[in-house]
């Protein structure tokens, strides 16, 4: 059996992202999951299922705004495991849905 992959989930606190993370955790599909979102799980009104998923030892949450203002040092930290190793999969659920926001 092939080793389980490492997964980077961008926008993982939103509705689709949190369901995806829960699916990965509940079905033991990854050895390591890094979730990056500008919203933090503690303020995202997660129910018990999603709180359990985000509390899993394989899930690592990192708060970050993925806009074009991100400094290169933060970019490297988000997209690599230990500064050199890349993720097996990167899934992007990050988007802005608030109509009142400026384009940036």
PDB file of N, CA and C in Angstrom:
ATOM      1  N   UNK A   1       0.836  -1.179   0.000  1.00  0.00           N
ATOM      2  CA  UNK A   1       0.000   0.000   0.000  1.00  0.00           C
ATOM      3  C   UNK A   1       0.887   1.251   0.000  1.00  0.00           C
ATOM      4  N   UNK A   2       0.545   2.202  -0.809  1.00  0.00           N
ATOM      5  CA  UNK A   2       1.317   3.445  -0.915  1.00  0.00           C
ATOM      6  C   UNK A   2       1.186   4.255   0.369  1.00  0.00           C
ATOM      7  N   UNK A   3       2.239   5.000   0.724  1.00  0.00           N
ATOM      8  CA  UNK A   3       2.135   5.843   1.922  1.00  0.00           C
ATOM      9  C   UNK A   3       1.094   6.937   1.724  1.00  0.00           C
ATOM     10  N   UNK A   4       0.474   7.329   2.827  1.00  0.00           N
ATOM     11  CA  UNK A   4      -0.534   8.390   2.760  1.00  0.00           C
ATOM     12  C   UNK A   4       0.148   9.722   2.476  1.00  0.00           C
ATOM     13  N   UNK A   5      -0.510  10.592   1.722  1.00  0.00           N
ATOM     14  CA  UNK A   5       0.112  11.859   1.311  1.00  0.00           C
ATOM     15  C   UNK A   5       0.042  12.939   2.389  1.00  0.00           C
ATOM     16  N   UNK A   6       0.790  14.002   2.131  1.00  0.00           N
ATOM     17  CA  UNK A   6       0.668  15.234   2.899  1.00  0.00           C
ATOM     18  C   UNK A   6      -0.173  16.195   2.060  1.00  0.00           C
ATOM     19  N   UNK A   7      -1.039  16.971   2.733  1.00  0.00           N
ATOM     20  CA  UNK A   7      -1.996  17.808   2.017  1.00  0.00           C
ATOM     21  C   UNK A   7      -1.976  19.223   2.578  1.00  0.00           C
ATOM     22  N   UNK A   8      -1.925  20.190   1.694  1.00  0.00           N
ATOM     23  CA  UNK A   8      -2.069  21.603   2.048  1.00  0.00           C
ATOM     24  C   UNK A   8      -3.440  22.047   1.564  1.00  0.00           C
ATOM     25  N   UNK A   9      -4.273  22.552   2.496  1.00  0.00           N
ATOM     26  CA  UNK A   9      -5.623  22.999   2.155  1.00  0.00           C
ATOM     27  C   UNK A   9      -5.690  24.511   2.363  1.00  0.00           C
ATOM     28  N   UNK A  10      -5.812  25.252   1.282  1.00  0.00           N
ATOM     29  CA  UNK A  10      -5.934  26.704   1.333  1.00  0.00           C
ATOM     30  C   UNK A  10      -7.412  27.061   1.429  1.00  0.00           C
ATOM     31  N   UNK A  11      -7.764  27.933   2.348  1.00  0.00           N
ATOM     32  CA  UNK A  11      -9.163  28.266   2.558  1.00  0.00           C
ATOM     33  C   UNK A  11      -9.906  27.128   3.236  1.00  0.00           C
ATOM     34  N   UNK A  12      -9.241  26.435   4.126  1.00  0.00           N
ATOM     35  CA  UNK A  12      -9.802  25.237   4.743  1.00  0.00           C
ATOM     36  C   UNK A  12     -10.794  25.452   5.857  1.00  0.00           C
ATOM     37  N   UNK A  13     -11.048  26.683   6.264  1.00  0.00           N
ATOM     38  CA  UNK A  13     -12.012  26.940   7.332  1.00  0.00           C
ATOM     39  C   UNK A  13     -13.398  27.242   6.768  1.00  0.00           C
ATOM     40  N   UNK A  14     -13.485  27.597   5.500  1.00  0.00           N
ATOM     41  CA  UNK A  14     -14.773  27.867   4.872  1.00  0.00           C
ATOM     42  C   UNK A  14     -15.623  26.609   4.780  1.00  0.00           C
ATOM     43  N   UNK A  15     -16.836  26.758   4.289  1.00  0.00           N
ATOM     44  CA  UNK A  15     -17.798  25.651   4.266  1.00  0.00           C
ATOM     45  C   UNK A  15     -17.270  24.419   3.527  1.00  0.00           C
ATOM     46  N   UNK A  16     -16.787  24.590   2.323  1.00  0.00           N
ATOM     47  CA  UNK A  16     -16.305  23.440   1.552  1.00  0.00           C
ATOM     48  C   UNK A  16     -14.994  22.921   2.129  1.00  0.00           C
ATOM     49  N   UNK A  17     -14.098  23.828   2.486  1.00  0.00           N
ATOM     50  CA  UNK A  17     -12.805  23.427   3.031  1.00  0.00           C
ATOM     51  C   UNK A  17     -12.917  22.635   4.313  1.00  0.00           C
ATOM     52  N   UNK A  18     -13.779  23.062   5.235  1.00  0.00           N
ATOM     53  CA  UNK A  18     -13.911  22.342   6.508  1.00  0.00           C
ATOM     54  C   UNK A  18     -14.490  20.941   6.297  1.00  0.00           C
ATOM     55  N   UNK A  19     -15.402  20.798   5.328  1.00  0.00           N
ATOM     56  CA  UNK A  19     -15.928  19.467   5.020  1.00  0.00           C
ATOM     57  C   UNK A  19     -14.848  18.583   4.411  1.00  0.00           C
ATOM     58  N   UNK A  20     -14.001  19.167   3.582  1.00  0.00           N
ATOM     59  CA  UNK A  20     -12.901  18.423   2.975  1.00  0.00           C
ATOM     60  C   UNK A  20     -11.909  17.958   4.037  1.00  0.00           C
ATOM     61  N   UNK A  21     -11.537  18.847   4.948  1.00  0.00           N
ATOM     62  CA  UNK A  21     -10.607  18.502   6.023  1.00  0.00           C
ATOM     63  C   UNK A  21     -11.204  17.390   6.891  1.00  0.00           C
ATOM     64  N   UNK A  22     -12.472  17.517   7.256  1.00  0.00           N
ATOM     65  CA  UNK A  22     -13.131  16.491   8.069  1.00  0.00           C
ATOM     66  C   UNK A  22     -13.124  15.142   7.338  1.00  0.00           C
ATOM     67  N   UNK A  23     -13.374  15.165   6.038  1.00  0.00           N
ATOM     68  CA  UNK A  23     -13.364  13.927   5.246  1.00  0.00           C
ATOM     69  C   UNK A  23     -11.973  13.283   5.277  1.00  0.00           C
ATOM     70  N   UNK A  24     -10.938  14.074   5.090  1.00  0.00           N
ATOM     71  CA  UNK A  24      -9.575  13.536   5.123  1.00  0.00           C
ATOM     72  C   UNK A  24      -9.258  12.916   6.482  1.00  0.00           C
ATOM     73  N   UNK A  25      -9.635  13.608   7.555  1.00  0.00           N
ATOM     74  CA  UNK A  25      -9.333  13.128   8.910  1.00  0.00           C
ATOM     75  C   UNK A  25     -10.153  11.880   9.236  1.00  0.00           C
ATOM     76  N   UNK A  26     -11.452  11.934   9.001  1.00  0.00           N
ATOM     77  CA  UNK A  26     -12.336  10.821   9.364  1.00  0.00           C
ATOM     78  C   UNK A  26     -12.024   9.534   8.600  1.00  0.00           C
ATOM     79  N   UNK A  27     -11.509   9.652   7.405  1.00  0.00           N
ATOM     80  CA  UNK A  27     -11.185   8.480   6.596  1.00  0.00           C
ATOM     81  C   UNK A  27      -9.699   8.147   6.594  1.00  0.00           C
ATOM     82  N   UNK A  28      -8.932   8.834   7.448  1.00  0.00           N
ATOM     83  CA  UNK A  28      -7.501   8.580   7.618  1.00  0.00           C
ATOM     84  C   UNK A  28      -6.775   8.560   6.261  1.00  0.00           C
ATOM     85  N   UNK A  29      -6.961   9.648   5.494  1.00  0.00           N
ATOM     86  CA  UNK A  29      -6.440   9.715   4.132  1.00  0.00           C
ATOM     87  C   UNK A  29      -5.117  10.466   3.994  1.00  0.00           C
ATOM     88  N   UNK A  30      -4.604  11.054   5.076  1.00  0.00           N
ATOM     89  CA  UNK A  30      -3.366  11.831   4.980  1.00  0.00           C
ATOM     90  C   UNK A  30      -2.539  11.679   6.251  1.00  0.00           C
ATOM     91  N   UNK A  31      -1.220  11.779   6.085  1.00  0.00           N
ATOM     92  CA  UNK A  31      -0.344  11.725   7.255  1.00  0.00           C
ATOM     93  C   UNK A  31      -0.215  13.088   7.917  1.00  0.00           C
ATOM     94  N   UNK A  32      -0.401  14.144   7.127  1.00  0.00           N
ATOM     95  CA  UNK A  32      -0.264  15.512   7.638  1.00  0.00           C
ATOM     96  C   UNK A  32      -1.129  16.423   6.789  1.00  0.00           C
ATOM     97  N   UNK A  33      -1.902  17.281   7.448  1.00  0.00           N
ATOM     98  CA  UNK A  33      -2.769  18.228   6.758  1.00  0.00           C
ATOM     99  C   UNK A  33      -2.491  19.614   7.329  1.00  0.00           C
ATOM    100  N   UNK A  34      -2.044  20.528   6.477  1.00  0.00           N
ATOM    101  CA  UNK A  34      -1.897  21.923   6.910  1.00  0.00           C
ATOM    102  C   UNK A  34      -3.060  22.704   6.321  1.00  0.00           C
ATOM    103  N   UNK A  35      -3.785  23.397   7.193  1.00  0.00           N
ATOM    104  CA  UNK A  35      -4.907  24.221   6.773  1.00  0.00           C
ATOM    105  C   UNK A  35      -4.491  25.674   6.917  1.00  0.00           C
ATOM    106  N   UNK A  36      -4.626  26.449   5.845  1.00  0.00           N
ATOM    107  CA  UNK A  36      -4.291  27.867   5.870  1.00  0.00           C
ATOM    108  C   UNK A  36      -5.542  28.654   5.507  1.00  0.00           C
ATOM    109  N   UNK A  37      -5.890  29.613   6.367  1.00  0.00           N
ATOM    110  CA  UNK A  37      -7.061  30.453   6.120  1.00  0.00           C
ATOM    111  C   UNK A  37      -6.868  31.749   6.886  1.00  0.00           C
ATOM    112  N   UNK A  38      -7.496  32.826   6.394  1.00  0.00           N
ATOM    113  CA  UNK A  38      -7.407  34.090   7.138  1.00  0.00           C
ATOM    114  C   UNK A  38      -8.334  34.075   8.348  1.00  0.00           C
ATOM    115  N   UNK A  39      -9.387  33.250   8.300  1.00  0.00           N
ATOM    116  CA  UNK A  39     -10.279  33.083   9.458  1.00  0.00           C
ATOM    117  C   UNK A  39      -9.711  31.988  10.351  1.00  0.00           C
ATOM    118  N   UNK A  40      -9.848  32.146  11.652  1.00  0.00           N
ATOM    119  CA  UNK A  40      -9.361  31.117  12.560  1.00  0.00           C
ATOM    120  C   UNK A  40     -10.518  30.208  12.963  1.00  0.00           C
ATOM    121  N   UNK A  41     -10.246  28.923  13.186  1.00  0.00           N
ATOM    122  CA  UNK A  41     -11.319  27.982  13.517  1.00  0.00           C
ATOM    123  C   UNK A  41     -12.124  28.386  14.753  1.00  0.00           C
ATOM    124  N   UNK A  42     -11.485  29.024  15.723  1.00  0.00           N
ATOM    125  CA  UNK A  42     -12.176  29.391  16.967  1.00  0.00           C
ATOM    126  C   UNK A  42     -13.287  30.406  16.743  1.00  0.00           C
ATOM    127  N   UNK A  43     -13.252  31.139  15.650  1.00  0.00           N
ATOM    128  CA  UNK A  43     -14.294  32.142  15.383  1.00  0.00           C
ATOM    129  C   UNK A  43     -15.159  31.771  14.182  1.00  0.00           C
ATOM    130  N   UNK A  44     -15.050  30.532  13.699  1.00  0.00           N
ATOM    131  CA  UNK A  44     -15.747  30.131  12.477  1.00  0.00           C
ATOM    132  C   UNK A  44     -17.029  29.338  12.744  1.00  0.00           C
ATOM    133  N   UNK A  45     -17.470  29.277  13.985  1.00  0.00           N
ATOM    134  CA  UNK A  45     -18.706  28.569  14.332  1.00  0.00           C
ATOM    135  C   UNK A  45     -18.685  27.122  13.860  1.00  0.00           C
ATOM    136  N   UNK A  46     -17.613  26.405  14.184  1.00  0.00           N
ATOM    137  CA  UNK A  46     -17.497  25.003  13.800  1.00  0.00           C
ATOM    138  C   UNK A  46     -18.330  24.141  14.737  1.00  0.00           C
ATOM    139  N   UNK A  47     -19.009  23.144  14.181  1.00  0.00           N
ATOM    140  CA  UNK A  47     -19.758  22.224  15.035  1.00  0.00           C
ATOM    141  C   UNK A  47     -18.814  21.166  15.602  1.00  0.00           C
ATOM    142  N   UNK A  48     -19.339  20.211  16.345  1.00  0.00           N
ATOM    143  CA  UNK A  48     -18.504  19.217  17.024  1.00  0.00           C
ATOM    144  C   UNK A  48     -17.683  18.387  16.036  1.00  0.00           C
ATOM    145  N   UNK A  49     -18.269  18.044  14.897  1.00  0.00           N
ATOM    146  CA  UNK A  49     -17.557  17.248  13.891  1.00  0.00           C
ATOM    147  C   UNK A  49     -16.320  17.984  13.388  1.00  0.00           C
ATOM    148  N   UNK A  50     -16.484  19.255  13.054  1.00  0.00           N
ATOM    149  CA  UNK A  50     -15.369  20.019  12.511  1.00  0.00           C
ATOM    150  C   UNK A  50     -14.348  20.373  13.592  1.00  0.00           C
ATOM    151  N   UNK A  51     -14.807  20.637  14.816  1.00  0.00           N
ATOM    152  CA  UNK A  51     -13.865  20.865  15.917  1.00  0.00           C
ATOM    153  C   UNK A  51     -12.992  19.641  16.140  1.00  0.00           C
ATOM    154  N   UNK A  52     -13.604  18.453  16.054  1.00  0.00           N
ATOM    155  CA  UNK A  52     -12.831  17.219  16.214  1.00  0.00           C
ATOM    156  C   UNK A  52     -11.802  17.074  15.095  1.00  0.00           C
ATOM    157  N   UNK A  53     -12.200  17.394  13.877  1.00  0.00           N
ATOM    158  CA  UNK A  53     -11.270  17.291  12.746  1.00  0.00           C
ATOM    159  C   UNK A  53     -10.099  18.256  12.906  1.00  0.00           C
ATOM    160  N   UNK A  54     -10.385  19.499  13.272  1.00  0.00           N
ATOM    161  CA  UNK A  54      -9.327  20.494  13.414  1.00  0.00           C
ATOM    162  C   UNK A  54      -8.461  20.242  14.645  1.00  0.00           C
ATOM    163  N   UNK A  55      -8.954  19.445  15.589  1.00  0.00           N
ATOM    164  CA  UNK A  55      -8.179  19.092  16.781  1.00  0.00           C
ATOM    165  C   UNK A  55      -7.345  17.833  16.577  1.00  0.00           C
ATOM    166  N   UNK A  56      -7.494  17.197  15.438  1.00  0.00           N
ATOM    167  CA  UNK A  56      -6.755  15.975  15.144  1.00  0.00           C
ATOM    168  C   UNK A  56      -5.246  16.252  15.148  1.00  0.00           C
ATOM    169  N   UNK A  57      -4.454  15.285  15.600  1.00  0.00           N
ATOM    170  CA  UNK A  57      -2.992  15.486  15.595  1.00  0.00           C
ATOM    171  C   UNK A  57      -2.380  15.611  14.194  1.00  0.00           C
ATOM    172  N   UNK A  58      -3.095  15.173  13.165  1.00  0.00           N
ATOM    173  CA  UNK A  58      -2.541  15.291  11.811  1.00  0.00           C
ATOM    174  C   UNK A  58      -2.839  16.652  11.190  1.00  0.00           C
ATOM    175  N   UNK A  59      -3.691  17.465  11.822  1.00  0.00           N
ATOM    176  CA  UNK A  59      -4.066  18.765  11.265  1.00  0.00           C
ATOM    177  C   UNK A  59      -3.266  19.877  11.941  1.00  0.00           C
ATOM    178  N   UNK A  60      -2.671  20.710  11.123  1.00  0.00           N
ATOM    179  CA  UNK A  60      -1.914  21.871  11.593  1.00  0.00           C
ATOM    180  C   UNK A  60      -2.549  23.111  10.962  1.00  0.00           C
ATOM    181  N   UNK A  61      -3.089  24.001  11.790  1.00  0.00           N
ATOM    182  CA  UNK A  61      -3.713  25.209  11.266  1.00  0.00           C
ATOM    183  C   UNK A  61      -2.711  26.354  11.269  1.00  0.00           C
ATOM    184  N   UNK A  62      -2.717  27.129  10.196  1.00  0.00           N
ATOM    185  CA  UNK A  62      -1.877  28.318  10.099  1.00  0.00           C
ATOM    186  C   UNK A  62      -2.742  29.460   9.573  1.00  0.00           C
ATOM    187  N   UNK A  63      -2.811  30.545  10.336  1.00  0.00           N
ATOM    188  CA  UNK A  63      -3.573  31.693   9.861  1.00  0.00           C
ATOM    189  C   UNK A  63      -2.728  32.459   8.857  1.00  0.00           C
ATOM    190  N   UNK A  64      -3.362  32.818   7.737  1.00  0.00           N
ATOM    191  CA  UNK A  64      -2.646  33.560   6.724  1.00  0.00           C
ATOM    192  C   UNK A  64      -3.585  34.132   5.685  1.00  0.00           C
ATOM    193  N   UNK A  65      -3.297  35.336   5.271  1.00  0.00           N
ATOM    194  CA  UNK A  65      -4.038  35.991   4.198  1.00  0.00           C
ATOM    195  C   UNK A  65      -3.282  35.706   2.909  1.00  0.00           C
ATOM    196  N   UNK A  66      -3.914  35.047   1.968  1.00  0.00           N
ATOM    197  CA  UNK A  66      -3.247  34.618   0.745  1.00  0.00           C
ATOM    198  C   UNK A  66      -3.313  35.647  -0.370  1.00  0.00           C
ATOM    199  N   UNK A  67      -3.547  36.903  -0.015  1.00  0.00           N
ATOM    200  CA  UNK A  67      -3.612  37.964  -1.018  1.00  0.00           C
ATOM    201  C   UNK A  67      -2.214  38.267  -1.563  1.00  0.00           C
ATOM    202  N   UNK A  68      -2.152  39.192  -2.489  1.00  0.00           N
ATOM    203  CA  UNK A  68      -0.878  39.523  -3.126  1.00  0.00           C
ATOM    204  C   UNK A  68       0.054  40.325  -2.221  1.00  0.00           C
ATOM    205  N   UNK A  69      -0.334  40.576  -0.982  1.00  0.00           N
ATOM    206  CA  UNK A  69       0.514  41.329  -0.055  1.00  0.00           C
ATOM    207  C   UNK A  69       1.357  40.414   0.829  1.00  0.00           C
ATOM    208  N   UNK A  70       1.328  39.137   0.581  1.00  0.00           N
ATOM    209  CA  UNK A  70       2.047  38.193   1.430  1.00  0.00           C
ATOM    210  C   UNK A  70       3.564  38.329   1.223  1.00  0.00           C
ATOM    211  N   UNK A  71       4.329  38.436   2.309  1.00  0.00           N
ATOM    212  CA  UNK A  71       5.787  38.542   2.163  1.00  0.00           C
ATOM    213  C   UNK A  71       6.392  37.198   1.761  1.00  0.00           C
ATOM    214  N   UNK A  72       7.496  37.209   1.012  1.00  0.00           N
ATOM    215  CA  UNK A  72       8.115  35.955   0.546  1.00  0.00           C
ATOM    216  C   UNK A  72       8.456  34.976   1.666  1.00  0.00           C
ATOM    217  N   UNK A  73       8.871  35.454   2.817  1.00  0.00           N
ATOM    218  CA  UNK A  73       9.219  34.548   3.907  1.00  0.00           C
ATOM    219  C   UNK A  73       7.995  33.774   4.405  1.00  0.00           C
ATOM    220  N   UNK A  74       6.853  34.434   4.469  1.00  0.00           N
ATOM    221  CA  UNK A  74       5.613  33.768   4.886  1.00  0.00           C
ATOM    222  C   UNK A  74       5.156  32.786   3.805  1.00  0.00           C
ATOM    223  N   UNK A  75       5.342  33.160   2.559  1.00  0.00           N
ATOM    224  CA  UNK A  75       4.989  32.295   1.435  1.00  0.00           C
ATOM    225  C   UNK A  75       5.726  30.959   1.544  1.00  0.00           C
ATOM    226  N   UNK A  76       7.022  31.008   1.793  1.00  0.00           N
ATOM    227  CA  UNK A  76       7.829  29.796   1.938  1.00  0.00           C
ATOM    228  C   UNK A  76       7.328  28.952   3.101  1.00  0.00           C
ATOM    229  N   UNK A  77       6.988  29.593   4.207  1.00  0.00           N
ATOM    230  CA  UNK A  77       6.533  28.870   5.398  1.00  0.00           C
ATOM    231  C   UNK A  77       5.208  28.164   5.149  1.00  0.00           C
ATOM    232  N   UNK A  78       4.319  28.785   4.393  1.00  0.00           N
ATOM    233  CA  UNK A  78       3.015  28.189   4.095  1.00  0.00           C
ATOM    234  C   UNK A  78       3.154  26.992   3.170  1.00  0.00           C
ATOM    235  N   UNK A  79       3.937  27.115   2.122  1.00  0.00           N
ATOM    236  CA  UNK A  79       3.961  26.128   1.048  1.00  0.00           C
ATOM    237  C   UNK A  79       4.995  25.018   1.187  1.00  0.00           C
ATOM    238  N   UNK A  80       5.771  25.011   2.255  1.00  0.00           N
ATOM    239  CA  UNK A  80       6.721  23.925   2.465  1.00  0.00           C
ATOM    240  C   UNK A  80       6.546  23.352   3.868  1.00  0.00           C
ATOM    241  N   UNK A  81       6.866  22.076   3.999  1.00  0.00           N
ATOM    242  CA  UNK A  81       6.715  21.408   5.291  1.00  0.00           C
ATOM    243  C   UNK A  81       7.789  21.830   6.288  1.00  0.00           C
ATOM    244  N   UNK A  82       9.025  21.782   5.879  1.00  0.00           N
ATOM    245  CA  UNK A  82      10.133  22.101   6.783  1.00  0.00           C
ATOM    246  C   UNK A  82      11.100  23.105   6.166  1.00  0.00           C
ATOM    247  N   UNK A  83      10.596  23.885   5.232  1.00  0.00           N
ATOM    248  CA  UNK A  83      11.437  24.854   4.543  1.00  0.00           C
ATOM    249  C   UNK A  83      11.990  24.332   3.233  1.00  0.00           C
ATOM    250  N   UNK A  84      11.922  23.010   3.037  1.00  0.00           N
ATOM    251  CA  UNK A  84      12.461  22.431   1.801  1.00  0.00           C
ATOM    252  C   UNK A  84      11.521  21.429   1.140  1.00  0.00           C
ATOM    253  N   UNK A  85      10.755  20.705   1.919  1.00  0.00           N
ATOM    254  CA  UNK A  85       9.897  19.642   1.389  1.00  0.00           C
ATOM    255  C   UNK A  85       8.541  20.195   0.969  1.00  0.00           C
ATOM    256  N   UNK A  86       8.102  19.817  -0.212  1.00  0.00           N
ATOM    257  CA  UNK A  86       6.797  20.285  -0.686  1.00  0.00           C
ATOM    258  C   UNK A  86       5.701  19.283  -0.307  1.00  0.00           C
ATOM    259  N   UNK A  87       4.468  19.743  -0.403  1.00  0.00           N
ATOM    260  CA  UNK A  87       3.320  18.886  -0.124  1.00  0.00           C
ATOM    261  C   UNK A  87       3.034  17.988  -1.318  1.00  0.00           C
ATOM    262  N   UNK A  88       2.420  16.845  -1.037  1.00  0.00           N
ATOM    263  CA  UNK A  88       2.021  15.947  -2.123  1.00  0.00           C
ATOM    264  C   UNK A  88       0.832  16.528  -2.887  1.00  0.00           C
ATOM    265  N   UNK A  89      -0.093  17.148  -2.155  1.00  0.00           N
ATOM    266  CA  UNK A  89      -1.274  17.752  -2.774  1.00  0.00           C
ATOM    267  C   UNK A  89      -1.527  19.132  -2.190  1.00  0.00           C
ATOM    268  N   UNK A  90      -1.942  20.058  -3.035  1.00  0.00           N
ATOM    269  CA  UNK A  90      -2.380  21.390  -2.612  1.00  0.00           C
ATOM    270  C   UNK A  90      -3.784  21.581  -3.161  1.00  0.00           C
ATOM    271  N   UNK A  91      -4.729  21.859  -2.261  1.00  0.00           N
ATOM    272  CA  UNK A  91      -6.119  22.059  -2.661  1.00  0.00           C
ATOM    273  C   UNK A  91      -6.506  23.479  -2.277  1.00  0.00           C
ATOM    274  N   UNK A  92      -7.028  24.235  -3.238  1.00  0.00           N
ATOM    275  CA  UNK A  92      -7.343  25.648  -3.012  1.00  0.00           C
ATOM    276  C   UNK A  92      -8.857  25.865  -2.950  1.00  0.00           C
ATOM    277  N   UNK A  93      -9.343  26.160  -1.739  1.00  0.00           N
ATOM    278  CA  UNK A  93     -10.739  26.544  -1.543  1.00  0.00           C
ATOM    279  C   UNK A  93     -10.836  28.019  -1.153  1.00  0.00           C
ATOM    280  N   UNK A  94      -9.744  28.746  -1.232  1.00  0.00           N
ATOM    281  CA  UNK A  94      -9.714  30.147  -0.813  1.00  0.00           C
ATOM    282  C   UNK A  94     -10.418  31.019  -1.839  1.00  0.00           C
ATOM    283  N   UNK A  95     -11.327  31.834  -1.359  1.00  0.00           N
ATOM    284  CA  UNK A  95     -12.012  32.788  -2.238  1.00  0.00           C
ATOM    285  C   UNK A  95     -12.638  33.875  -1.376  1.00  0.00           C
ATOM    286  N   UNK A  96     -12.980  34.944  -1.995  1.00  0.00           N
ATOM    287  CA  UNK A  96     -13.646  36.050  -1.299  1.00  0.00           C
ATOM    288  C   UNK A  96     -15.051  36.146  -1.846  1.00  0.00           C
ATOM    289  N   UNK A  97     -16.031  36.103  -0.960  1.00  0.00           N
ATOM    290  CA  UNK A  97     -17.426  36.110  -1.407  1.00  0.00           C
ATOM    291  C   UNK A  97     -18.202  37.330  -0.928  1.00  0.00           C
ATOM    292  N   UNK A  98     -17.537  38.238  -0.247  1.00  0.00           N
ATOM    293  CA  UNK A  98     -18.223  39.428   0.251  1.00  0.00           C
ATOM    294  C   UNK A  98     -18.248  40.498  -0.843  1.00  0.00           C
ATOM    295  N   UNK A  99     -19.430  40.872  -1.275  1.00  0.00           N
ATOM    296  CA  UNK A  99     -19.574  41.811  -2.381  1.00  0.00           C
ATOM    297  C   UNK A  99     -19.114  43.229  -2.024  1.00  0.00           C
ATOM    298  N   UNK A 100     -19.064  43.545  -0.755  1.00  0.00           N
ATOM    299  CA  UNK A 100     -18.716  44.902  -0.361  1.00  0.00           C
ATOM    300  C   UNK A 100     -17.200  45.123  -0.255  1.00  0.00           C
ATOM    301  N   UNK A 101     -16.397  44.093  -0.498  1.00  0.00           N
ATOM    302  CA  UNK A 101     -14.952  44.203  -0.358  1.00  0.00           C
ATOM    303  C   UNK A 101     -14.338  44.856  -1.596  1.00  0.00           C
ATOM    304  N   UNK A 102     -13.192  45.521  -1.389  1.00  0.00           N
ATOM    305  CA  UNK A 102     -12.453  46.077  -2.517  1.00  0.00           C
ATOM    306  C   UNK A 102     -11.783  44.940  -3.300  1.00  0.00           C
ATOM    307  N   UNK A 103     -11.384  45.205  -4.528  1.00  0.00           N
ATOM    308  CA  UNK A 103     -10.822  44.155  -5.377  1.00  0.00           C
ATOM    309  C   UNK A 103      -9.598  43.457  -4.787  1.00  0.00           C
ATOM    310  N   UNK A 104      -8.714  44.180  -4.121  1.00  0.00           N
ATOM    311  CA  UNK A 104      -7.529  43.561  -3.544  1.00  0.00           C
ATOM    312  C   UNK A 104      -7.911  42.594  -2.452  1.00  0.00           C
TER     313      UNK A 104
END
